[in-house]
Every structure is written in C-alpha cells, then in structure tokens.
Protein backbone atom coordinates (compact mmCIF):
# COMPACT_ATOMS: atom_id res chain seq x y z
CA VAL A 1 79.52 102.82 -147.72
CA ILE A 2 76.86 105.21 -146.45
CA GLY A 3 77.26 103.89 -142.92
CA LEU A 4 81.04 104.28 -143.06
CA ASN A 5 80.70 107.90 -144.18
CA VAL A 6 78.19 108.62 -141.41
CA VAL A 7 80.67 107.30 -138.84
CA LEU A 8 83.56 109.35 -140.26
CA TYR A 9 81.35 112.43 -140.50
CA ASN A 10 80.56 112.09 -136.80
CA HIS A 11 84.20 111.60 -135.86
CA ALA A 12 85.26 114.62 -137.93
CA TYR A 13 82.60 116.71 -136.24
CA TYR A 14 83.55 115.83 -132.67
CA PHE A 15 87.25 116.17 -133.50
CA THR A 16 86.68 119.84 -134.38
CA HIS A 17 83.65 120.75 -132.22
CA PHE A 18 83.93 120.78 -128.44
CA ILE A 19 81.31 120.27 -125.75
CA ASP A 20 80.78 123.08 -123.25
CA ALA A 21 80.29 120.71 -120.33
CA ASP A 22 82.36 119.40 -117.47
CA ILE A 23 82.85 115.88 -118.79
CA PRO A 24 85.95 113.70 -118.41
CA ARG A 25 88.42 113.46 -121.25
CA ILE A 26 88.42 110.09 -122.99
CA ASN A 27 91.65 108.54 -124.27
CA SER A 28 92.63 105.15 -125.65
CA GLN A 29 93.12 103.74 -122.14
CA THR A 30 89.72 104.85 -120.81
CA VAL A 31 88.03 103.53 -123.95
CA GLN A 32 89.34 100.05 -123.19
CA GLN A 33 87.76 100.26 -119.73
CA GLN A 34 84.29 100.91 -121.18
CA GLY A 35 81.68 98.21 -121.75
CA TRP A 36 81.06 96.98 -125.26
CA GLN A 37 77.88 99.05 -125.62
CA GLU A 38 79.68 102.26 -124.68
CA ARG A 39 82.59 101.44 -126.97
CA LEU A 40 80.17 100.76 -129.83
CA LYS A 41 78.54 104.13 -129.20
CA LEU A 42 81.90 105.91 -129.19
CA GLY A 43 82.92 104.11 -132.36
CA PHE A 44 79.78 105.19 -134.19
CA PHE A 45 79.21 108.72 -132.91
CA GLY A 46 82.75 109.79 -132.07
CA VAL A 47 84.33 111.01 -128.85
CA GLU A 48 82.99 114.17 -127.25
CA ILE A 49 85.79 116.52 -126.17
CA PRO A 50 85.11 119.14 -123.47
CA LYS A 51 86.12 122.72 -124.13
CA SER A 52 89.29 123.64 -122.25
CA HIS A 53 89.18 126.14 -119.40
CA ASN A 54 91.88 128.16 -117.63
CA LYS A 55 91.73 126.85 -114.08
CA ILE A 56 94.88 128.62 -112.90
CA LEU A 57 95.82 132.28 -113.17
CA PRO A 58 99.20 134.01 -113.41
CA GLU A 59 100.93 134.49 -110.07
CA VAL A 60 102.08 137.97 -111.06
CA PRO A 61 100.13 141.10 -112.08
CA PHE A 62 98.43 140.70 -115.45
CA LYS A 63 95.67 142.22 -117.54
CA THR A 64 92.95 140.32 -119.37
CA ILE A 65 92.54 141.53 -122.94
CA HIS A 66 89.58 140.81 -125.21
CA LEU A 67 90.33 141.01 -128.91
CA MET A 68 87.16 142.10 -130.66
CA GLY A 69 86.08 140.36 -133.83
CA THR A 70 84.54 137.05 -134.76
CA PRO A 71 85.06 135.12 -132.65
CA GLN A 72 86.12 137.22 -129.67
CA LEU A 73 89.47 136.11 -128.27
CA GLU A 74 90.71 136.31 -124.68
CA ALA A 75 94.37 136.92 -123.84
CA TRP A 76 96.57 137.78 -120.89
CA MET A 77 99.15 140.54 -121.03
CA ILE A 78 101.85 139.82 -118.47
CA PRO A 79 104.65 142.43 -118.47
CA THR A 80 108.23 141.78 -117.49
CA GLU A 81 109.68 143.55 -114.46
CA ARG A 82 113.00 143.93 -116.25
CA ARG A 83 113.96 146.39 -118.92
CA ALA A 84 111.86 145.31 -121.90
CA GLN A 85 113.77 143.72 -124.78
CA GLY A 86 110.65 142.86 -126.76
CA VAL A 87 107.31 141.04 -126.64
CA VAL A 88 106.57 137.34 -127.13
CA VAL A 89 103.07 136.24 -128.17
CA LEU A 90 102.34 132.66 -127.07
CA PHE A 91 99.87 130.22 -128.63
CA HIS A 92 98.85 126.84 -127.18
CA GLY A 93 98.06 123.51 -128.82
CA TYR A 94 94.90 121.59 -129.71
CA THR A 95 92.41 121.23 -126.77
CA SER A 96 94.77 123.22 -124.54
CA LYS A 97 94.57 126.80 -123.22
CA LYS A 98 96.73 129.84 -122.54
CA SER A 99 97.38 128.90 -118.91
CA ALA A 100 99.37 125.92 -120.22
CA GLN A 101 101.96 128.44 -121.46
CA LEU A 102 102.50 130.16 -118.11
CA SER A 103 105.80 128.45 -117.32
CA VAL A 104 107.22 129.24 -120.77
CA ALA A 105 106.02 132.83 -120.46
CA ARG A 106 107.75 133.12 -117.08
CA ALA A 107 111.06 132.13 -118.68
CA PHE A 108 110.67 134.84 -121.33
CA ARG A 109 109.86 137.50 -118.73
CA GLN A 110 112.94 136.56 -116.71
CA VAL A 111 115.11 137.61 -119.65
CA GLY A 112 113.23 140.83 -120.32
CA TYR A 113 110.27 140.10 -122.59
CA HIS A 114 106.67 141.09 -122.09
CA THR A 115 104.38 138.12 -122.72
CA PHE A 116 100.96 137.97 -124.39
CA LEU A 117 99.19 134.62 -123.93
CA VAL A 118 96.27 133.91 -126.27
CA ASP A 119 93.36 131.48 -126.16
CA PHE A 120 92.57 130.28 -129.67
CA ARG A 121 88.96 130.29 -130.84
CA GLY A 122 86.95 127.55 -129.15
CA HIS A 123 89.50 127.23 -126.34
CA GLY A 124 89.80 128.62 -122.81
CA GLY A 125 88.18 132.03 -122.39
CA SER A 126 87.74 132.70 -126.11
CA ALA A 127 84.34 132.44 -127.78
CA GLY A 128 83.07 129.43 -129.68
CA LEU A 129 83.28 125.66 -129.50
CA GLN A 130 84.96 125.03 -132.86
CA THR A 131 88.57 124.50 -133.91
CA THR A 132 90.22 124.03 -137.30
CA ILE A 133 93.58 122.74 -135.99
CA GLY A 134 95.50 125.85 -137.05
CA TYR A 135 93.69 126.68 -140.31
CA HIS A 136 91.37 129.55 -139.37
CA GLU A 137 93.45 130.03 -136.21
CA ALA A 138 95.91 131.83 -138.49
CA ASP A 139 93.49 134.76 -138.28
CA ASP A 140 93.70 134.59 -134.47
CA VAL A 141 97.49 134.82 -134.72
CA LYS A 142 97.20 137.85 -136.99
CA ARG A 143 94.79 139.66 -134.67
CA ALA A 144 96.96 139.03 -131.62
CA PHE A 145 100.13 140.08 -133.43
CA GLU A 146 98.59 143.32 -134.68
CA HIS A 147 97.26 144.14 -131.19
CA VAL A 148 100.73 143.76 -129.69
CA GLN A 149 102.29 145.79 -132.50
CA ARG A 150 99.87 148.65 -131.82
CA ARG A 151 100.52 148.50 -128.08
CA TYR A 152 104.31 148.24 -128.31
CA PRO A 153 105.27 149.84 -131.65
CA GLN A 154 108.91 150.32 -130.65
CA LEU A 155 109.57 146.76 -129.47
CA PRO A 156 110.39 143.66 -131.55
CA VAL A 157 107.67 141.00 -131.48
CA GLY A 158 108.30 137.26 -131.49
CA LEU A 159 105.76 134.45 -131.92
CA TYR A 160 105.87 131.20 -129.95
CA GLY A 161 103.54 128.30 -130.70
CA THR A 162 103.11 124.71 -129.58
CA SER A 163 101.77 122.05 -131.98
CA MET A 164 98.58 123.58 -133.42
CA GLY A 165 99.84 126.96 -132.25
CA ALA A 166 103.04 126.51 -134.25
CA VAL A 167 101.06 125.55 -137.36
CA GLY A 168 98.73 128.51 -136.90
CA ILE A 169 101.76 130.81 -136.79
CA LEU A 170 103.18 129.32 -139.98
CA LYS A 171 99.88 129.72 -141.81
CA ALA A 172 99.50 133.31 -140.57
CA VAL A 173 102.96 134.15 -141.93
CA TYR A 174 102.02 132.43 -145.22
CA ASP A 175 98.61 134.12 -145.54
CA TYR A 176 99.32 137.59 -144.16
CA ASP A 177 103.10 138.03 -144.50
CA LEU A 178 103.42 138.94 -140.81
CA SER A 179 106.54 140.94 -140.01
CA ALA A 180 107.40 139.18 -136.75
CA ASP A 181 111.03 139.41 -135.65
CA ARG A 182 111.43 135.78 -134.53
CA LEU A 183 109.51 132.52 -134.58
CA ILE A 184 109.78 129.69 -132.05
CA LEU A 185 107.85 126.61 -133.16
CA GLU A 186 107.45 123.63 -130.85
CA CYS A 187 106.50 120.30 -132.47
CA PRO A 188 104.51 121.52 -135.48
CA PHE A 189 102.93 118.68 -137.46
CA GLU A 190 103.91 118.35 -141.11
CA SER A 191 100.37 118.48 -142.48
CA MET A 192 96.80 117.77 -141.49
CA LYS A 193 96.92 114.62 -143.61
CA THR A 194 100.06 113.38 -141.84
CA ALA A 195 98.55 114.14 -138.41
CA ILE A 196 95.36 112.21 -139.18
CA HIS A 197 97.28 109.25 -140.60
CA ARG A 198 99.43 109.12 -137.46
CA ARG A 199 96.32 109.29 -135.27
CA PHE A 200 94.89 106.27 -137.12
CA GLU A 201 98.19 104.41 -136.74
CA ASN A 202 98.31 105.10 -132.99
CA LEU A 203 94.79 103.69 -132.65
CA ASP A 204 95.66 100.63 -134.78
CA LEU A 205 93.07 101.63 -137.40
CA PRO A 206 93.37 101.14 -141.18
CA THR A 207 95.16 104.00 -142.93
CA VAL A 208 93.78 103.27 -146.40
CA LEU A 209 90.99 105.64 -147.52
CA LEU A 210 89.57 106.23 -144.00
CA PRO A 211 91.88 109.16 -143.08
CA ASP A 212 91.15 110.79 -146.45
CA LEU A 213 87.40 110.53 -145.89
CA LEU A 214 87.82 112.01 -142.41
CA LEU A 215 89.79 114.91 -143.91
CA PHE A 216 87.12 115.46 -146.54
CA TRP A 217 84.29 115.66 -144.02
CA GLY A 218 86.33 117.76 -141.60
CA GLY A 219 87.13 120.22 -144.37
CA TRP A 220 83.50 120.36 -145.49
CA GLN A 221 82.22 120.98 -141.96
CA ASN A 222 84.77 123.70 -141.15
CA ASP A 223 85.10 125.56 -144.45
CA MET A 224 88.74 124.62 -144.88
CA ASP A 225 90.95 122.84 -147.40
CA ALA A 226 92.16 120.15 -145.05
CA PHE A 227 94.21 118.41 -147.75
CA GLN A 228 96.25 121.58 -148.35
CA HIS A 229 96.71 122.42 -144.67
CA SER A 230 100.46 121.85 -144.72
CA SER A 231 103.24 123.31 -142.57
CA THR A 232 105.83 122.42 -145.21
CA ARG A 233 103.97 124.60 -147.73
CA TYR A 234 103.59 127.47 -145.27
CA ALA A 235 107.28 127.30 -144.27
CA GLN A 236 108.34 128.31 -147.78
CA ARG A 237 107.28 131.92 -147.09
CA VAL A 238 108.99 132.29 -143.72
CA SER A 239 111.54 135.09 -143.94
CA MET A 240 112.43 135.62 -140.27
CA PRO A 241 114.86 133.64 -138.05
CA THR A 242 113.14 130.51 -136.78
CA LEU A 243 113.86 128.09 -133.95
CA LEU A 244 112.16 124.68 -134.09
CA LEU A 245 111.86 122.49 -131.01
CA HIS A 246 111.06 118.80 -131.10
CA GLY A 247 110.78 116.20 -128.36
CA GLN A 248 112.61 113.05 -129.43
CA HIS A 249 110.04 110.87 -127.63
CA ASP A 250 107.00 112.68 -129.03
CA ALA A 251 104.45 109.99 -129.96
CA ARG A 252 102.26 112.32 -132.04
CA VAL A 253 104.74 114.25 -134.17
CA ALA A 254 107.64 112.36 -135.75
CA ARG A 255 111.08 113.88 -136.10
CA SER A 256 110.79 113.39 -139.87
CA GLU A 257 107.80 115.76 -139.90
CA VAL A 258 109.75 118.58 -138.25
CA GLU A 259 112.73 117.91 -140.51
CA ALA A 260 110.44 118.17 -143.54
CA ILE A 261 109.41 121.63 -142.36
CA VAL A 262 113.03 122.62 -141.74
CA SER A 263 113.92 121.57 -145.30
CA GLN A 264 111.55 124.25 -146.66
CA LEU A 265 112.98 127.13 -144.62
CA THR A 266 115.27 129.53 -146.45
CA ALA A 267 115.60 132.04 -143.60
CA PRO A 268 118.15 131.44 -140.80
CA HIS A 269 116.89 128.58 -138.65
CA GLU A 270 117.87 126.01 -136.05
CA LEU A 271 116.38 122.69 -134.95
CA ASP A 272 116.81 121.70 -131.30
CA LEU A 273 115.96 118.15 -130.22
CA LEU A 274 114.78 117.89 -126.62
C-alpha cells in the first residue's frame, strides 16, 4: 500500500510540475519503444514533462505584456487593423502555450477584434513550473480579463479557452463573477475526476481506487480541491451567452462531458460539434 501511494504521489507530482529542460515529450507510443528498465523507471517515478515554450511569434505587429503578480504572466496584445468591435482574450490548454492560439486569434482579428493571448502560469513565457489544470489558473483568467478591461473600457470583452483554458474560464466566472460579454469554450472536460479516469482508461490502467488516490495526492501537492474541480458545477453560475465547441473524434474529452456542462447552463448557449 505504501509503495502504491509513493508511485501515485510521483505521478501526481510530474503531472502538475514541469521540467525546465529541453527534453523530448513522452507519449504512450514512445513508452512502448523503451527498454524494460526505462519503462519500469517511468512507471515508478512518473513521466517528466518539459515546460512549453513559444517558438514562433506573431507575423503582425504585437506588444508583449507582463501581468504583475504571483506568478508573473506573459501575454501578447495583437490589435486588429479593422474598426474594433471588441477584444477577445485567448487561453491555451494543458502543456500548451499562447502561440498555439495564433491562428484562432487571426480569425478574430479579421472580423474586427483585438486579441490578447495569455500564457498560463508554468507555461510558455509565464513564470513557474507548476500547473493546476485550470484550478488556480482561474486567477490568471481574472488578471488578464481585468487588464483588458482597464485598457479598453469602452469595448466588449469575450473569453476564449481550449480544454484547460476553457475550464479555467468557467472557474473564474464561478469564483469572481466576471462580467465578460461572451464565452467560447472549446472541449472543456467535465471534471478533474472524469479527466483522470479517462486518462487511466486510455492507458489501459485500472480505474478502481487508483484515480482517486492520484486526485488526492495532486490536490495535496497543489493546494486544491481536486475532487470538486468540476466544470458542471462552475457552469451553473454562467450568466453570459456561451458557445461550446467539441470535436466529435476527440479521444480525451467525450461528447457526454460537454453535454453535461451544457445541461447546467441557464444563459443563452449553443453547442457546435466539429
């Protein structure tokens, strides 16, 4: 029992703490290519995940913004060349970075929206090596939203998030009652518990007790209530129009998860299946 908890403690730690080193990403396919000693090591200690970095820059004029606070966040302000209709703040997913949102941001600018792309804590150019999969990232969403509100007080502000970014937006609305004008949420997971269970299923690992122990240790390490980290709960306080996007072939987030979130929305909303 002690050994099992040590293993799950290690996995929870490396799932939420990145390595600031240029090491290759390991997935289920590369694991199978390792020797038995290396696989045993990965199974016991967990998989080290390198911190993401923005290796490409916007192709149009932009300004790098640093949001002061703990931790310091890095963002790009990329204005539209058209008559401004509003501002969209974009948030990436787990282990990703703001540069991954450049193509989406370009589409918003083409229809007249300034774009503000944010690196979550522990990702890209922002400080730290730790993530809480949307839990404490809700504070990052709040800080970015308030910065944009101060800079463009006369323009409506929308929030766009992918996966962890979508969950962080929902929690920020739940915790801080953000007065955003619109939400666009791409593939948010139903809850942290559901996400961990699905990860175990995808790896053909037992889903009895082990995911719960992983959640316990992850919550303890990161000062979060992982069992209550739930998009369906956060969605109950959403009061602004919301568009949800879901890829029908998404292997990580099931359609039923997004539909569970939709069922809790009382504000005008729409679900688009891609």
